[in-house]
Amino acid sequence: MREIRDMEAFAESQNAVEEIYAERRRQVDSEGWSLDHDDEHCTGELALAAAVYAAQAGLLWATTNSHREAVKWLWPFAGPPKLTGDPRRMLIKAGALIVAEIERLDRRAASGDSVEEGGA
């Protein structure tokens, strides 16, 4: 019986991974955030944006607006973040941004660029 539950949990986690991939595709196709555009953000911006979405997911139950607004100062881009949706949606967005940052790092490594980011 446990194996069946484990398989069901695995199938649900696969669905979440597929949703993260679909969000990543949406970011590229609908928002226009191309791979070249991602490559321009080489000082942790994508990771910070993911952190804002993930933190917001945890703060949606905060009791005051100041708590809910606390992470917005981390937003690395011009204009405010689109912090709409439920916690799950926020985490899907965060996951897609994490994928974008990992892909950017992989492209950088594949190009032979070994310079550490943020350092001299």
PDB file of N, CA and C in Angstrom:
ATOM      1  N   MET A   1       0.817  -1.190   0.000  1.00  0.00           N
ATOM      2  CA  MET A   1       0.000   0.000   0.000  1.00  0.00           C
ATOM      3  C   MET A   1       0.869   1.266   0.000  1.00  0.00           C
ATOM      4  N   ARG A   2       1.964   1.224   0.758  1.00  0.00           N
ATOM      5  CA  ARG A   2       2.839   2.391   0.788  1.00  0.00           C
ATOM      6  C   ARG A   2       3.415   2.675  -0.591  1.00  0.00           C
ATOM      7  N   GLU A   3       3.755   1.639  -1.346  1.00  0.00           N
ATOM      8  CA  GLU A   3       4.296   1.846  -2.688  1.00  0.00           C
ATOM      9  C   GLU A   3       3.311   2.601  -3.562  1.00  0.00           C
ATOM     10  N   ILE A   4       2.036   2.296  -3.436  1.00  0.00           N
ATOM     11  CA  ILE A   4       1.014   2.993  -4.224  1.00  0.00           C
ATOM     12  C   ILE A   4       0.978   4.460  -3.826  1.00  0.00           C
ATOM     13  N   ARG A   5       1.012   4.747  -2.519  1.00  0.00           N
ATOM     14  CA  ARG A   5       1.022   6.145  -2.065  1.00  0.00           C
ATOM     15  C   ARG A   5       2.282   6.859  -2.543  1.00  0.00           C
ATOM     16  N   ASP A   6       3.423   6.159  -2.490  1.00  0.00           N
ATOM     17  CA  ASP A   6       4.661   6.755  -2.957  1.00  0.00           C
ATOM     18  C   ASP A   6       4.581   7.070  -4.448  1.00  0.00           C
ATOM     19  N   MET A   7       3.975   6.170  -5.223  1.00  0.00           N
ATOM     20  CA  MET A   7       3.832   6.396  -6.660  1.00  0.00           C
ATOM     21  C   MET A   7       2.900   7.577  -6.921  1.00  0.00           C
ATOM     22  N   GLU A   8       1.829   7.685  -6.127  1.00  0.00           N
ATOM     23  CA  GLU A   8       0.907   8.811  -6.281  1.00  0.00           C
ATOM     24  C   GLU A   8       1.602  10.125  -5.946  1.00  0.00           C
ATOM     25  N   ALA A   9       2.400  10.129  -4.885  1.00  0.00           N
ATOM     26  CA  ALA A   9       3.140  11.331  -4.503  1.00  0.00           C
ATOM     27  C   ALA A   9       4.145  11.701  -5.590  1.00  0.00           C
ATOM     28  N   PHE A  10       4.800  10.696  -6.161  1.00  0.00           N
ATOM     29  CA  PHE A  10       5.743  10.951  -7.239  1.00  0.00           C
ATOM     30  C   PHE A  10       5.025  11.548  -8.445  1.00  0.00           C
ATOM     31  N   ALA A  11       3.874  11.007  -8.781  1.00  0.00           N
ATOM     32  CA  ALA A  11       3.109  11.525  -9.921  1.00  0.00           C
ATOM     33  C   ALA A  11       2.707  12.972  -9.672  1.00  0.00           C
ATOM     34  N   GLU A  12       2.308  13.299  -8.445  1.00  0.00           N
ATOM     35  CA  GLU A  12       1.954  14.683  -8.120  1.00  0.00           C
ATOM     36  C   GLU A  12       3.164  15.591  -8.235  1.00  0.00           C
ATOM     37  N   SER A  13       4.336  15.122  -7.780  1.00  0.00           N
ATOM     38  CA  SER A  13       5.536  15.953  -7.874  1.00  0.00           C
ATOM     39  C   SER A  13       5.928  16.144  -9.337  1.00  0.00           C
ATOM     40  N   GLN A  14       5.720  15.119 -10.165  1.00  0.00           N
ATOM     41  CA  GLN A  14       5.991  15.265 -11.593  1.00  0.00           C
ATOM     42  C   GLN A  14       5.084  16.331 -12.193  1.00  0.00           C
ATOM     43  N   ASN A  15       3.830  16.376 -11.750  1.00  0.00           N
ATOM     44  CA  ASN A  15       2.910  17.395 -12.233  1.00  0.00           C
ATOM     45  C   ASN A  15       3.431  18.786 -11.872  1.00  0.00           C
ATOM     46  N   ALA A  16       3.943  18.953 -10.670  1.00  0.00           N
ATOM     47  CA  ALA A  16       4.486  20.247 -10.261  1.00  0.00           C
ATOM     48  C   ALA A  16       5.684  20.621 -11.127  1.00  0.00           C
ATOM     49  N   VAL A  17       6.545  19.671 -11.421  1.00  0.00           N
ATOM     50  CA  VAL A  17       7.703  19.931 -12.281  1.00  0.00           C
ATOM     51  C   VAL A  17       7.231  20.337 -13.680  1.00  0.00           C
ATOM     52  N   GLU A  18       6.217  19.664 -14.195  1.00  0.00           N
ATOM     53  CA  GLU A  18       5.665  20.025 -15.499  1.00  0.00           C
ATOM     54  C   GLU A  18       5.085  21.434 -15.483  1.00  0.00           C
ATOM     55  N   GLU A  19       4.453  21.816 -14.372  1.00  0.00           N
ATOM     56  CA  GLU A  19       3.905  23.168 -14.270  1.00  0.00           C
ATOM     57  C   GLU A  19       5.016  24.211 -14.225  1.00  0.00           C
ATOM     58  N   ILE A  20       6.114  23.886 -13.560  1.00  0.00           N
ATOM     59  CA  ILE A  20       7.258  24.805 -13.538  1.00  0.00           C
ATOM     60  C   ILE A  20       7.815  24.956 -14.947  1.00  0.00           C
ATOM     61  N   TYR A  21       7.931  23.850 -15.663  1.00  0.00           N
ATOM     62  CA  TYR A  21       8.410  23.918 -17.051  1.00  0.00           C
ATOM     63  C   TYR A  21       7.441  24.743 -17.911  1.00  0.00           C
ATOM     64  N   ALA A  22       6.143  24.539 -17.725  1.00  0.00           N
ATOM     65  CA  ALA A  22       5.155  25.295 -18.498  1.00  0.00           C
ATOM     66  C   ALA A  22       5.252  26.790 -18.181  1.00  0.00           C
ATOM     67  N   GLU A  23       5.488  27.128 -16.922  1.00  0.00           N
ATOM     68  CA  GLU A  23       5.656  28.537 -16.557  1.00  0.00           C
ATOM     69  C   GLU A  23       6.916  29.102 -17.186  1.00  0.00           C
ATOM     70  N   ARG A  24       7.969  28.334 -17.209  1.00  0.00           N
ATOM     71  CA  ARG A  24       9.207  28.780 -17.851  1.00  0.00           C
ATOM     72  C   ARG A  24       8.960  29.060 -19.336  1.00  0.00           C
ATOM     73  N   ARG A  25       8.234  28.162 -20.006  1.00  0.00           N
ATOM     74  CA  ARG A  25       7.898  28.354 -21.419  1.00  0.00           C
ATOM     75  C   ARG A  25       7.054  29.620 -21.582  1.00  0.00           C
ATOM     76  N   ARG A  26       6.099  29.841 -20.662  1.00  0.00           N
ATOM     77  CA  ARG A  26       5.250  31.026 -20.730  1.00  0.00           C
ATOM     78  C   ARG A  26       6.089  32.287 -20.588  1.00  0.00           C
ATOM     79  N   GLN A  27       7.060  32.261 -19.677  1.00  0.00           N
ATOM     80  CA  GLN A  27       7.920  33.422 -19.489  1.00  0.00           C
ATOM     81  C   GLN A  27       8.671  33.754 -20.777  1.00  0.00           C
ATOM     82  N   VAL A  28       9.119  32.726 -21.469  1.00  0.00           N
ATOM     83  CA  VAL A  28       9.859  32.934 -22.718  1.00  0.00           C
ATOM     84  C   VAL A  28       8.901  33.335 -23.839  1.00  0.00           C
ATOM     85  N   ASP A  29       7.834  32.563 -24.017  1.00  0.00           N
ATOM     86  CA  ASP A  29       6.933  32.771 -25.150  1.00  0.00           C
ATOM     87  C   ASP A  29       6.026  33.986 -25.005  1.00  0.00           C
ATOM     88  N   SER A  30       5.443  34.179 -23.830  1.00  0.00           N
ATOM     89  CA  SER A  30       4.468  35.260 -23.645  1.00  0.00           C
ATOM     90  C   SER A  30       5.089  36.547 -23.126  1.00  0.00           C
ATOM     91  N   GLU A  31       6.041  36.425 -22.229  1.00  0.00           N
ATOM     92  CA  GLU A  31       6.652  37.615 -21.639  1.00  0.00           C
ATOM     93  C   GLU A  31       7.858  38.097 -22.449  1.00  0.00           C
ATOM     94  N   GLY A  32       8.395  37.229 -23.317  1.00  0.00           N
ATOM     95  CA  GLY A  32       9.523  37.617 -24.146  1.00  0.00           C
ATOM     96  C   GLY A  32      10.864  37.554 -23.448  1.00  0.00           C
ATOM     97  N   TRP A  33      10.940  36.847 -22.339  1.00  0.00           N
ATOM     98  CA  TRP A  33      12.215  36.739 -21.615  1.00  0.00           C
ATOM     99  C   TRP A  33      13.050  35.647 -22.259  1.00  0.00           C
ATOM    100  N   SER A  34      13.753  36.018 -23.318  1.00  0.00           N
ATOM    101  CA  SER A  34      14.542  35.064 -24.096  1.00  0.00           C
ATOM    102  C   SER A  34      15.785  34.619 -23.335  1.00  0.00           C
ATOM    103  N   LEU A  35      16.451  33.595 -23.870  1.00  0.00           N
ATOM    104  CA  LEU A  35      17.690  33.131 -23.261  1.00  0.00           C
ATOM    105  C   LEU A  35      18.746  34.234 -23.296  1.00  0.00           C
ATOM    106  N   ASP A  36      18.807  34.981 -24.394  1.00  0.00           N
ATOM    107  CA  ASP A  36      19.748  36.099 -24.479  1.00  0.00           C
ATOM    108  C   ASP A  36      19.444  37.137 -23.404  1.00  0.00           C
ATOM    109  N   HIS A  37      18.162  37.403 -23.201  1.00  0.00           N
ATOM    110  CA  HIS A  37      17.763  38.354 -22.160  1.00  0.00           C
ATOM    111  C   HIS A  37      18.203  37.831 -20.785  1.00  0.00           C
ATOM    112  N   ASP A  38      17.960  36.560 -20.523  1.00  0.00           N
ATOM    113  CA  ASP A  38      18.383  35.971 -19.242  1.00  0.00           C
ATOM    114  C   ASP A  38      19.890  36.100 -19.049  1.00  0.00           C
ATOM    115  N   ASP A  39      20.636  35.898 -20.131  1.00  0.00           N
ATOM    116  CA  ASP A  39      22.101  35.960 -20.046  1.00  0.00           C
ATOM    117  C   ASP A  39      22.606  37.353 -19.668  1.00  0.00           C
ATOM    118  N   GLU A  40      21.798  38.368 -19.895  1.00  0.00           N
ATOM    119  CA  GLU A  40      22.183  39.725 -19.507  1.00  0.00           C
ATOM    120  C   GLU A  40      22.135  39.932 -17.996  1.00  0.00           C
ATOM    121  N   HIS A  41      21.405  39.085 -17.309  1.00  0.00           N
ATOM    122  CA  HIS A  41      21.236  39.211 -15.856  1.00  0.00           C
ATOM    123  C   HIS A  41      22.231  38.288 -15.161  1.00  0.00           C
ATOM    124  N   CYS A  42      23.460  38.778 -15.022  1.00  0.00           N
ATOM    125  CA  CYS A  42      24.549  37.925 -14.549  1.00  0.00           C
ATOM    126  C   CYS A  42      25.011  38.248 -13.129  1.00  0.00           C
ATOM    127  N   THR A  43      24.204  38.983 -12.384  1.00  0.00           N
ATOM    128  CA  THR A  43      24.590  39.287 -11.006  1.00  0.00           C
ATOM    129  C   THR A  43      23.537  38.813 -10.005  1.00  0.00           C
ATOM    130  N   GLY A  44      22.909  37.704 -10.334  1.00  0.00           N
ATOM    131  CA  GLY A  44      21.984  37.081  -9.388  1.00  0.00           C
ATOM    132  C   GLY A  44      20.550  37.555  -9.444  1.00  0.00           C
ATOM    133  N   GLU A  45      20.213  38.364 -10.443  1.00  0.00           N
ATOM    134  CA  GLU A  45      18.866  38.920 -10.495  1.00  0.00           C
ATOM    135  C   GLU A  45      17.778  37.855 -10.590  1.00  0.00           C
ATOM    136  N   LEU A  46      18.005  36.834 -11.408  1.00  0.00           N
ATOM    137  CA  LEU A  46      16.982  35.789 -11.567  1.00  0.00           C
ATOM    138  C   LEU A  46      16.778  35.025 -10.259  1.00  0.00           C
ATOM    139  N   ALA A  47      17.870  34.743  -9.570  1.00  0.00           N
ATOM    140  CA  ALA A  47      17.773  34.051  -8.287  1.00  0.00           C
ATOM    141  C   ALA A  47      17.060  34.923  -7.253  1.00  0.00           C
ATOM    142  N   LEU A  48      17.365  36.225  -7.243  1.00  0.00           N
ATOM    143  CA  LEU A  48      16.681  37.128  -6.314  1.00  0.00           C
ATOM    144  C   LEU A  48      15.190  37.217  -6.625  1.00  0.00           C
ATOM    145  N   ALA A  49      14.847  37.288  -7.900  1.00  0.00           N
ATOM    146  CA  ALA A  49      13.434  37.333  -8.275  1.00  0.00           C
ATOM    147  C   ALA A  49      12.726  36.061  -7.808  1.00  0.00           C
ATOM    148  N   ALA A  50      13.375  34.918  -7.969  1.00  0.00           N
ATOM    149  CA  ALA A  50      12.801  33.658  -7.487  1.00  0.00           C
ATOM    150  C   ALA A  50      12.613  33.714  -5.973  1.00  0.00           C
ATOM    151  N   ALA A  51      13.587  34.274  -5.273  1.00  0.00           N
ATOM    152  CA  ALA A  51      13.494  34.372  -3.811  1.00  0.00           C
ATOM    153  C   ALA A  51      12.314  35.237  -3.389  1.00  0.00           C
ATOM    154  N   VAL A  52      12.060  36.318  -4.126  1.00  0.00           N
ATOM    155  CA  VAL A  52      10.927  37.188  -3.799  1.00  0.00           C
ATOM    156  C   VAL A  52       9.616  36.420  -3.934  1.00  0.00           C
ATOM    157  N   TYR A  53       9.461  35.693  -5.040  1.00  0.00           N
ATOM    158  CA  TYR A  53       8.231  34.916  -5.218  1.00  0.00           C
ATOM    159  C   TYR A  53       8.087  33.832  -4.149  1.00  0.00           C
ATOM    160  N   ALA A  54       9.166  33.136  -3.851  1.00  0.00           N
ATOM    161  CA  ALA A  54       9.102  32.078  -2.843  1.00  0.00           C
ATOM    162  C   ALA A  54       8.788  32.657  -1.465  1.00  0.00           C
ATOM    163  N   ALA A  55       9.432  33.750  -1.120  1.00  0.00           N
ATOM    164  CA  ALA A  55       9.162  34.378   0.173  1.00  0.00           C
ATOM    165  C   ALA A  55       7.723  34.876   0.248  1.00  0.00           C
ATOM    166  N   GLN A  56       7.245  35.451  -0.844  1.00  0.00           N
ATOM    167  CA  GLN A  56       5.867  35.941  -0.859  1.00  0.00           C
ATOM    168  C   GLN A  56       4.886  34.792  -0.627  1.00  0.00           C
ATOM    169  N   ALA A  57       5.194  33.619  -1.160  1.00  0.00           N
ATOM    170  CA  ALA A  57       4.323  32.461  -0.935  1.00  0.00           C
ATOM    171  C   ALA A  57       4.204  32.177   0.559  1.00  0.00           C
ATOM    172  N   GLY A  58       5.288  32.315   1.276  1.00  0.00           N
ATOM    173  CA  GLY A  58       5.261  32.077   2.712  1.00  0.00           C
ATOM    174  C   GLY A  58       4.648  33.215   3.496  1.00  0.00           C
ATOM    175  N   LEU A  59       4.635  34.401   2.929  1.00  0.00           N
ATOM    176  CA  LEU A  59       4.134  35.575   3.640  1.00  0.00           C
ATOM    177  C   LEU A  59       2.662  35.876   3.367  1.00  0.00           C
ATOM    178  N   LEU A  60       2.025  35.114   2.517  1.00  0.00           N
ATOM    179  CA  LEU A  60       0.624  35.401   2.205  1.00  0.00           C
ATOM    180  C   LEU A  60      -0.287  35.262   3.424  1.00  0.00           C
ATOM    181  N   TRP A  61       0.197  34.567   4.434  1.00  0.00           N
ATOM    182  CA  TRP A  61      -0.588  34.413   5.655  1.00  0.00           C
ATOM    183  C   TRP A  61      -0.175  35.421   6.718  1.00  0.00           C
ATOM    184  N   ALA A  62       0.755  36.314   6.371  1.00  0.00           N
ATOM    185  CA  ALA A  62       1.213  37.322   7.332  1.00  0.00           C
ATOM    186  C   ALA A  62       0.029  38.174   7.769  1.00  0.00           C
ATOM    187  N   THR A  63       0.096  38.625   8.987  1.00  0.00           N
ATOM    188  CA  THR A  63      -1.046  39.340   9.556  1.00  0.00           C
ATOM    189  C   THR A  63      -1.033  40.830   9.266  1.00  0.00           C
ATOM    190  N   THR A  64       0.075  41.368   8.816  1.00  0.00           N
ATOM    191  CA  THR A  64       0.126  42.805   8.531  1.00  0.00           C
ATOM    192  C   THR A  64       0.661  43.042   7.128  1.00  0.00           C
ATOM    193  N   ASN A  65       0.286  44.176   6.571  1.00  0.00           N
ATOM    194  CA  ASN A  65       0.792  44.540   5.246  1.00  0.00           C
ATOM    195  C   ASN A  65       2.295  44.709   5.256  1.00  0.00           C
ATOM    196  N   SER A  66       2.852  45.196   6.363  1.00  0.00           N
ATOM    197  CA  SER A  66       4.305  45.392   6.406  1.00  0.00           C
ATOM    198  C   SER A  66       5.036  44.073   6.247  1.00  0.00           C
ATOM    199  N   HIS A  67       4.480  43.001   6.799  1.00  0.00           N
ATOM    200  CA  HIS A  67       5.101  41.688   6.603  1.00  0.00           C
ATOM    201  C   HIS A  67       4.978  41.250   5.148  1.00  0.00           C
ATOM    202  N   ARG A  68       3.815  41.450   4.554  1.00  0.00           N
ATOM    203  CA  ARG A  68       3.609  41.047   3.167  1.00  0.00           C
ATOM    204  C   ARG A  68       4.469  41.856   2.210  1.00  0.00           C
ATOM    205  N   GLU A  69       4.763  43.086   2.553  1.00  0.00           N
ATOM    206  CA  GLU A  69       5.557  43.961   1.699  1.00  0.00           C
ATOM    207  C   GLU A  69       7.057  43.804   1.957  1.00  0.00           C
ATOM    208  N   ALA A  70       7.438  43.033   2.951  1.00  0.00           N
ATOM    209  CA  ALA A  70       8.819  42.991   3.419  1.00  0.00           C
ATOM    210  C   ALA A  70       9.814  42.553   2.347  1.00  0.00           C
ATOM    211  N   VAL A  71       9.439  41.654   1.465  1.00  0.00           N
ATOM    212  CA  VAL A  71      10.408  41.116   0.511  1.00  0.00           C
ATOM    213  C   VAL A  71      10.524  41.924  -0.772  1.00  0.00           C
ATOM    214  N   LYS A  72       9.633  42.847  -1.000  1.00  0.00           N
ATOM    215  CA  LYS A  72       9.639  43.579  -2.270  1.00  0.00           C
ATOM    216  C   LYS A  72      10.921  44.375  -2.483  1.00  0.00           C
ATOM    217  N   TRP A  73      11.588  44.791  -1.435  1.00  0.00           N
ATOM    218  CA  TRP A  73      12.827  45.559  -1.596  1.00  0.00           C
ATOM    219  C   TRP A  73      13.924  44.724  -2.239  1.00  0.00           C
ATOM    220  N   LEU A  74      13.797  43.393  -2.221  1.00  0.00           N
ATOM    221  CA  LEU A  74      14.772  42.522  -2.871  1.00  0.00           C
ATOM    222  C   LEU A  74      14.599  42.452  -4.385  1.00  0.00           C
ATOM    223  N   TRP A  75      13.455  42.888  -4.890  1.00  0.00           N
ATOM    224  CA  TRP A  75      13.138  42.744  -6.316  1.00  0.00           C
ATOM    225  C   TRP A  75      14.229  43.422  -7.150  1.00  0.00           C
ATOM    226  N   PRO A  76      14.897  42.683  -8.034  1.00  0.00           N
ATOM    227  CA  PRO A  76      16.062  43.218  -8.730  1.00  0.00           C
ATOM    228  C   PRO A  76      15.771  43.966 -10.030  1.00  0.00           C
ATOM    229  N   PHE A  77      14.502  44.034 -10.429  1.00  0.00           N
ATOM    230  CA  PHE A  77      14.178  44.617 -11.725  1.00  0.00           C
ATOM    231  C   PHE A  77      13.404  45.918 -11.570  1.00  0.00           C
ATOM    232  N   ALA A  78      13.399  46.717 -12.637  1.00  0.00           N
ATOM    233  CA  ALA A  78      12.602  47.941 -12.649  1.00  0.00           C
ATOM    234  C   ALA A  78      11.127  47.568 -12.588  1.00  0.00           C
ATOM    235  N   GLY A  79      10.358  48.367 -11.922  1.00  0.00           N
ATOM    236  CA  GLY A  79       8.936  48.085 -11.781  1.00  0.00           C
ATOM    237  C   GLY A  79       8.690  47.058 -10.696  1.00  0.00           C
ATOM    238  N   PRO A  80       7.486  47.041 -10.165  1.00  0.00           N
ATOM    239  CA  PRO A  80       7.171  46.121  -9.074  1.00  0.00           C
ATOM    240  C   PRO A  80       6.970  44.688  -9.568  1.00  0.00           C
ATOM    241  N   PRO A  81       7.200  43.710  -8.689  1.00  0.00           N
ATOM    242  CA  PRO A  81       6.934  42.317  -9.079  1.00  0.00           C
ATOM    243  C   PRO A  81       5.428  42.065  -9.166  1.00  0.00           C
ATOM    244  N   LYS A  82       5.047  41.099  -9.967  1.00  0.00           N
ATOM    245  CA  LYS A  82       3.640  40.711 -10.087  1.00  0.00           C
ATOM    246  C   LYS A  82       3.357  39.638  -9.042  1.00  0.00           C
ATOM    247  N   LEU A  83       3.073  40.079  -7.830  1.00  0.00           N
ATOM    248  CA  LEU A  83       2.882  39.158  -6.715  1.00  0.00           C
ATOM    249  C   LEU A  83       1.410  38.841  -6.530  1.00  0.00           C
ATOM    250  N   THR A  84       0.823  38.279  -7.580  1.00  0.00           N
ATOM    251  CA  THR A  84      -0.580  37.899  -7.524  1.00  0.00           C
ATOM    252  C   THR A  84      -0.681  36.389  -7.611  1.00  0.00           C
ATOM    253  N   GLY A  85      -1.726  35.875  -7.024  1.00  0.00           N
ATOM    254  CA  GLY A  85      -1.945  34.439  -7.047  1.00  0.00           C
ATOM    255  C   GLY A  85      -1.800  33.833  -5.663  1.00  0.00           C
ATOM    256  N   ASP A  86      -2.075  32.570  -5.616  1.00  0.00           N
ATOM    257  CA  ASP A  86      -1.981  31.859  -4.349  1.00  0.00           C
ATOM    258  C   ASP A  86      -0.541  31.404  -4.111  1.00  0.00           C
ATOM    259  N   PRO A  87      -0.239  30.884  -2.920  1.00  0.00           N
ATOM    260  CA  PRO A  87       1.134  30.467  -2.625  1.00  0.00           C
ATOM    261  C   PRO A  87       1.691  29.463  -3.633  1.00  0.00           C
ATOM    262  N   ARG A  88       0.868  28.548  -4.082  1.00  0.00           N
ATOM    263  CA  ARG A  88       1.332  27.547  -5.047  1.00  0.00           C
ATOM    264  C   ARG A  88       1.779  28.220  -6.343  1.00  0.00           C
ATOM    265  N   ARG A  89       0.996  29.199  -6.814  1.00  0.00           N
ATOM    266  CA  ARG A  89       1.345  29.909  -8.047  1.00  0.00           C
ATOM    267  C   ARG A  89       2.654  30.682  -7.877  1.00  0.00           C
ATOM    268  N   MET A  90       2.828  31.288  -6.717  1.00  0.00           N
ATOM    269  CA  MET A  90       4.075  31.995  -6.430  1.00  0.00           C
ATOM    270  C   MET A  90       5.265  31.038  -6.500  1.00  0.00           C
ATOM    271  N   LEU A  91       5.103  29.839  -5.960  1.00  0.00           N
ATOM    272  CA  LEU A  91       6.189  28.858  -5.965  1.00  0.00           C
ATOM    273  C   LEU A  91       6.474  28.336  -7.367  1.00  0.00           C
ATOM    274  N   ILE A  92       5.443  28.205  -8.191  1.00  0.00           N
ATOM    275  CA  ILE A  92       5.647  27.811  -9.594  1.00  0.00           C
ATOM    276  C   ILE A  92       6.483  28.881 -10.303  1.00  0.00           C
ATOM    277  N   LYS A  93       6.143  30.156 -10.094  1.00  0.00           N
ATOM    278  CA  LYS A  93       6.919  31.247 -10.695  1.00  0.00           C
ATOM    279  C   LYS A  93       8.361  31.222 -10.192  1.00  0.00           C
ATOM    280  N   ALA A  94       8.519  31.016  -8.884  1.00  0.00           N
ATOM    281  CA  ALA A  94       9.869  30.949  -8.301  1.00  0.00           C
ATOM    282  C   ALA A  94      10.658  29.802  -8.919  1.00  0.00           C
ATOM    283  N   GLY A  95      10.015  28.638  -9.052  1.00  0.00           N
ATOM    284  CA  GLY A  95      10.684  27.478  -9.644  1.00  0.00           C
ATOM    285  C   GLY A  95      11.129  27.745 -11.072  1.00  0.00           C
ATOM    286  N   ALA A  96      10.288  28.409 -11.841  1.00  0.00           N
ATOM    287  CA  ALA A  96      10.643  28.717 -13.230  1.00  0.00           C
ATOM    288  C   ALA A  96      11.823  29.691 -13.293  1.00  0.00           C
ATOM    289  N   LEU A  97      11.858  30.647 -12.389  1.00  0.00           N
ATOM    290  CA  LEU A  97      12.994  31.571 -12.350  1.00  0.00           C
ATOM    291  C   LEU A  97      14.268  30.865 -11.914  1.00  0.00           C
ATOM    292  N   ILE A  98      14.147  29.917 -11.013  1.00  0.00           N
ATOM    293  CA  ILE A  98      15.310  29.125 -10.609  1.00  0.00           C
ATOM    294  C   ILE A  98      15.831  28.329 -11.808  1.00  0.00           C
ATOM    295  N   VAL A  99      14.918  27.739 -12.567  1.00  0.00           N
ATOM    296  CA  VAL A  99      15.324  27.013 -13.780  1.00  0.00           C
ATOM    297  C   VAL A  99      16.038  27.964 -14.738  1.00  0.00           C
ATOM    298  N   ALA A 100      15.510  29.162 -14.914  1.00  0.00           N
ATOM    299  CA  ALA A 100      16.138  30.135 -15.809  1.00  0.00           C
ATOM    300  C   ALA A 100      17.560  30.451 -15.352  1.00  0.00           C
ATOM    301  N   GLU A 101      17.751  30.618 -14.057  1.00  0.00           N
ATOM    302  CA  GLU A 101      19.092  30.925 -13.537  1.00  0.00           C
ATOM    303  C   GLU A 101      20.036  29.735 -13.697  1.00  0.00           C
ATOM    304  N   ILE A 102      19.558  28.537 -13.442  1.00  0.00           N
ATOM    305  CA  ILE A 102      20.399  27.344 -13.620  1.00  0.00           C
ATOM    306  C   ILE A 102      20.793  27.201 -15.088  1.00  0.00           C
ATOM    307  N   GLU A 103      19.835  27.385 -15.994  1.00  0.00           N
ATOM    308  CA  GLU A 103      20.140  27.297 -17.424  1.00  0.00           C
ATOM    309  C   GLU A 103      21.160  28.361 -17.827  1.00  0.00           C
ATOM    310  N   ARG A 104      21.032  29.568 -17.281  1.00  0.00           N
ATOM    311  CA  ARG A 104      21.971  30.638 -17.590  1.00  0.00           C
ATOM    312  C   ARG A 104      23.374  30.273 -17.114  1.00  0.00           C
ATOM    313  N   LEU A 105      23.465  29.737 -15.907  1.00  0.00           N
ATOM    314  CA  LEU A 105      24.766  29.313 -15.384  1.00  0.00           C
ATOM    315  C   LEU A 105      25.370  28.200 -16.238  1.00  0.00           C
ATOM    316  N   ASP A 106      24.527  27.267 -16.676  1.00  0.00           N
ATOM    317  CA  ASP A 106      25.010  26.173 -17.526  1.00  0.00           C
ATOM    318  C   ASP A 106      25.522  26.693 -18.862  1.00  0.00           C
ATOM    319  N   ARG A 107      24.798  27.660 -19.462  1.00  0.00           N
ATOM    320  CA  ARG A 107      25.260  28.242 -20.731  1.00  0.00           C
ATOM    321  C   ARG A 107      26.590  28.955 -20.524  1.00  0.00           C
ATOM    322  N   ARG A 108      26.705  29.634 -19.428  1.00  0.00           N
ATOM    323  CA  ARG A 108      27.961  30.347 -19.137  1.00  0.00           C
ATOM    324  C   ARG A 108      29.118  29.363 -18.993  1.00  0.00           C
ATOM    325  N   ALA A 109      28.896  28.277 -18.262  1.00  0.00           N
ATOM    326  CA  ALA A 109      29.944  27.268 -18.077  1.00  0.00           C
ATOM    327  C   ALA A 109      30.302  26.614 -19.412  1.00  0.00           C
ATOM    328  N   ALA A 110      29.290  26.336 -20.239  1.00  0.00           N
ATOM    329  CA  ALA A 110      29.537  25.699 -21.529  1.00  0.00           C
ATOM    330  C   ALA A 110      30.332  26.598 -22.474  1.00  0.00           C
ATOM    331  N   SER A 111      30.213  27.913 -22.277  1.00  0.00           N
ATOM    332  CA  SER A 111      30.946  28.839 -23.129  1.00  0.00           C
ATOM    333  C   SER A 111      32.390  28.975 -22.701  1.00  0.00           C
ATOM    334  N   GLY A 112      32.740  28.339 -21.578  1.00  0.00           N
ATOM    335  CA  GLY A 112      34.116  28.407 -21.095  1.00  0.00           C
ATOM    336  C   GLY A 112      34.387  29.586 -20.191  1.00  0.00           C
ATOM    337  N   ASP A 113      33.368  30.354 -19.890  1.00  0.00           N
ATOM    338  CA  ASP A 113      33.534  31.505 -19.011  1.00  0.00           C
ATOM    339  C   ASP A 113      33.546  31.032 -17.565  1.00  0.00           C
ATOM    340  N   SER A 114      34.705  31.096 -16.948  1.00  0.00           N
ATOM    341  CA  SER A 114      34.831  30.597 -15.582  1.00  0.00           C
ATOM    342  C   SER A 114      34.967  31.711 -14.552  1.00  0.00           C
ATOM    343  N   VAL A 115      34.752  32.950 -14.979  1.00  0.00           N
ATOM    344  CA  VAL A 115      34.870  34.073 -14.060  1.00  0.00           C
ATOM    345  C   VAL A 115      33.737  33.984 -13.032  1.00  0.00           C
ATOM    346  N   GLU A 116      34.098  34.083 -11.772  1.00  0.00           N
ATOM    347  CA  GLU A 116      33.098  34.053 -10.714  1.00  0.00           C
ATOM    348  C   GLU A 116      32.266  35.324 -10.797  1.00  0.00           C
ATOM    349  N   GLU A 117      30.986  35.181 -10.574  1.00  0.00           N
ATOM    350  CA  GLU A 117      30.100  36.326 -10.613  1.00  0.00           C
ATOM    351  C   GLU A 117      30.188  37.095  -9.311  1.00  0.00           C
ATOM    352  N   GLY A 118      30.085  38.396  -9.424  1.00  0.00           N
ATOM    353  CA  GLY A 118      30.049  39.245  -8.250  1.00  0.00           C
ATOM    354  C   GLY A 118      31.417  39.479  -7.635  1.00  0.00           C
ATOM    355  N   GLY A 119      32.453  38.935  -8.207  1.00  0.00           N
ATOM    356  CA  GLY A 119      33.789  39.115  -7.641  1.00  0.00           C
ATOM    357  C   GLY A 119      34.747  39.699  -8.650  1.00  0.00           C
ATOM    358  N   ALA A 120      35.934  40.001  -8.173  1.00  0.00           N
ATOM    359  CA  ALA A 120      36.931  40.575  -9.059  1.00  0.00           C
ATOM    360  C   ALA A 120      37.834  39.511  -9.629  1.00  0.00           C
TER     361      ALA A 120
END
